[in-house]
């Protein structure tokens, strides 16, 4: 089991249909036991090692929370560096899904070389930006990007273009749908499997897509431990993920309008988001300039929250500090939104036919992309 916990999706079947859906989690969302009593600077340095996936995004959200609590105002270049690093991490995570997880479900070998090529490109951009400097420090660090990023960005774009169909890059929804029908790539094969299950409506849910809420919004809700484990909007559970970012993209909006939030549109959203991230990385790299680093604190006690965007959606950390010492440290990740016990999975699977249920549910889980293992159990 992952040290960050795991999920179990239990489906109870009666008379050929799913009549109960239970989502259980062993994931930790309150890290006070691990970080309380530590000096805030030591705790911030420790945070990335607590998370094997999205470590950079957790570091950025944690730094934002600590800096808000201490009244630290980092310069714009520090903020740009952090955004760039989380965007590169999101690219890595999307690429792993497409090259490994999707290939496995399509019955194809993993696209190892394509994944290596992309990760070489993202790592080169990381080293260009901060030259390996330990950047996870409250108040920021000094860094100097090494020359022009143009050749590195071009290499990243070529690596992504090898994974993403031209229709997604061009923003052509009709052509994207045609490609998914006719291409012999493992990605297209997976999309055809999804279509074969139930036209294009398999895994449909009407839960709202999670908006990009502010750090202050999360800070108000993470004062206690419950929100981190079962987050909700005022209207109830919501769906995080790539679809929440790109549902209105020209390549996807007509398909979302026609089919709704389904396994098909969630998977296509990952391809669209992969391409869109290259644009945001390019924009961030072009304006990144040297920074002298460390910004001072205005106080030594307080509460604060920080956010960062991952491939799966926005995550948030919230801290309470007294005399530069951690009192409470809580977080909520996109997985807690999409795998809420009364969220998307329950809505999409209640009443589903029992035929080939484990595989169908597995594809639904794949499209929601949890950051930890998720076991599917069918009880008849």
Foldseek 3Di string as FASTA:
>chain_A
DDPQWEKEWEFEDDPQATADIFIDIPGDFWCCVVAFQDFLQVSLLCQLVSDPALSLQRSQFSLQFVCFFQVFDADPLLVLLSQLLQLLSQLLVLLCLQQPVLLVLLVHHGPVVLSVQLNVLSVVLNCQQAVPDSFSGRQTAWGFRDDACVVSLVSNLVSLPVRFDVCLLVLNQVVVVVCLVDPPDSLSSSLVVCCVVPHFQALADDFAEDAQDFQVVVQVVVPDRPCQQAPADPVGFHAWALCSVCCPGSNHVVVCVVHNDHLNSLSNSSSNVSSVSSVVSVVSRVPNGTDNTGTDGPHQWGKGKGWHAHRLGIKMWIFGGDRSGTNIIGIHDNLSRNSRRPDSLRRNRGGHGPVVVLSSSVSSCSSSDHPHYYHYHYHD
